[in-house]
Protein backbone atom coordinates (compact mmCIF):
# COMPACT_ATOMS: atom_id res chain seq x y z
CA UNK A 1 3.23 -34.16 49.62
CA UNK A 2 4.75 -31.24 50.86
CA UNK A 3 7.66 -31.18 48.33
CA UNK A 4 5.05 -31.60 45.43
CA UNK A 5 3.26 -28.40 46.77
CA UNK A 6 6.41 -26.42 46.90
CA UNK A 7 7.34 -27.65 43.26
CA UNK A 8 3.81 -26.60 42.06
CA UNK A 9 4.22 -23.14 43.97
CA UNK A 10 7.79 -22.45 42.67
CA UNK A 11 6.62 -23.22 38.95
CA UNK A 12 3.60 -20.93 39.11
CA UNK A 13 6.00 -18.37 40.74
CA UNK A 14 8.43 -18.62 37.82
CA UNK A 15 5.69 -18.31 35.28
CA UNK A 16 4.47 -15.30 36.81
CA UNK A 17 8.03 -13.92 36.99
CA UNK A 18 8.33 -14.44 33.45
CA UNK A 19 5.22 -13.04 32.46
CA UNK A 20 5.93 -9.74 34.49
CA UNK A 21 9.35 -9.46 32.98
CA UNK A 22 7.88 -9.81 29.31
CA UNK A 23 5.19 -7.18 30.41
CA UNK A 24 7.85 -4.87 31.64
CA UNK A 25 10.82 -5.16 29.41
CA UNK A 26 10.28 -7.66 26.45
CA UNK A 27 7.63 -5.57 24.45
CA UNK A 28 10.14 -2.66 24.50
CA UNK A 29 12.82 -4.98 23.09
CA UNK A 30 10.62 -6.41 20.43
CA UNK A 31 9.67 -2.82 19.44
CA UNK A 32 13.23 -1.77 19.28
CA UNK A 33 13.94 -4.99 16.98
CA UNK A 34 11.13 -3.91 14.70
CA UNK A 35 12.40 -0.26 14.65
CA UNK A 36 15.73 -1.59 13.29
CA UNK A 37 14.04 -3.45 10.63
CA UNK A 38 12.28 -0.39 9.59
CA UNK A 39 15.42 1.47 9.34
CA UNK A 40 16.53 -1.05 6.82
CA UNK A 41 13.31 -0.78 4.97
CA UNK A 42 13.65 3.09 4.94
CA UNK A 43 17.10 2.86 3.41
CA UNK A 44 15.57 0.48 0.72
CA UNK A 45 12.62 2.94 0.30
CA UNK A 46 10.35 0.04 0.64
CA UNK A 47 7.41 2.08 1.88
CA UNK A 48 4.72 -1.22 2.37
CA UNK A 49 7.44 -2.92 4.54
CA UNK A 50 7.98 0.20 6.63
CA UNK A 51 4.01 0.25 7.43
CA UNK A 52 4.10 -3.17 8.27
CA UNK A 53 7.17 -2.46 10.61
CA UNK A 54 5.54 0.27 12.33
CA UNK A 55 2.19 -1.89 12.76
CA UNK A 56 4.32 -4.25 14.95
CA UNK A 57 5.90 -1.64 16.46
CA UNK A 58 2.64 -0.12 17.66
CA UNK A 59 1.50 -3.33 18.67
CA UNK A 60 4.35 -3.70 21.20
CA UNK A 61 4.84 -0.20 22.37
CA UNK A 62 1.76 2.02 21.51
CA UNK A 63 2.59 4.76 23.76
CA UNK A 64 6.38 5.49 22.89
CA UNK A 65 6.46 9.05 21.80
CA UNK A 66 9.63 8.55 19.93
CA UNK A 67 8.02 5.96 17.43
CA UNK A 68 4.80 8.32 17.19
CA UNK A 69 7.10 11.14 15.98
CA UNK A 70 9.01 9.05 13.64
CA UNK A 71 5.97 7.70 11.99
CA UNK A 72 4.60 11.30 11.42
CA UNK A 73 7.91 12.33 9.75
CA UNK A 74 7.89 9.11 7.78
CA UNK A 75 4.58 9.59 6.67
CA UNK A 76 5.36 13.12 5.46
CA UNK A 77 8.56 11.40 3.62
CA UNK A 78 6.34 9.16 1.97
CA UNK A 79 4.12 11.90 0.67
CA UNK A 80 7.04 13.51 -1.08
CA UNK A 81 8.33 10.18 -2.24
CA UNK A 82 5.20 9.55 -4.10
CA UNK A 83 4.44 13.00 -5.00
CA UNK A 84 7.65 12.88 -7.46
CA UNK A 85 6.90 9.44 -9.04
CA UNK A 86 5.40 9.42 -12.53
CA UNK A 87 2.05 7.83 -13.15
CA UNK A 88 0.41 8.27 -9.80
CA UNK A 89 -3.18 7.94 -9.18
CA UNK A 90 -4.77 11.40 -8.81
């Protein structure tokens, strides 16, 4: 019975370790992955896809200053992009 308790304890310890690693590093990795998707969408000038990627980035890493400043710059870029389009809704 002692070995069974050790196995359960080790299993729970491994789950906690995985959870803490995810909280510490995994979320930042996924935010970077979605930022790379965002760069591709920006090259294609696909504004709805960019907004979707920013939403995912802010879900995974909401307090990162770099993403917030890039979002502000891209909002200004989008205003200029849609300002030049014909047939805009005023």
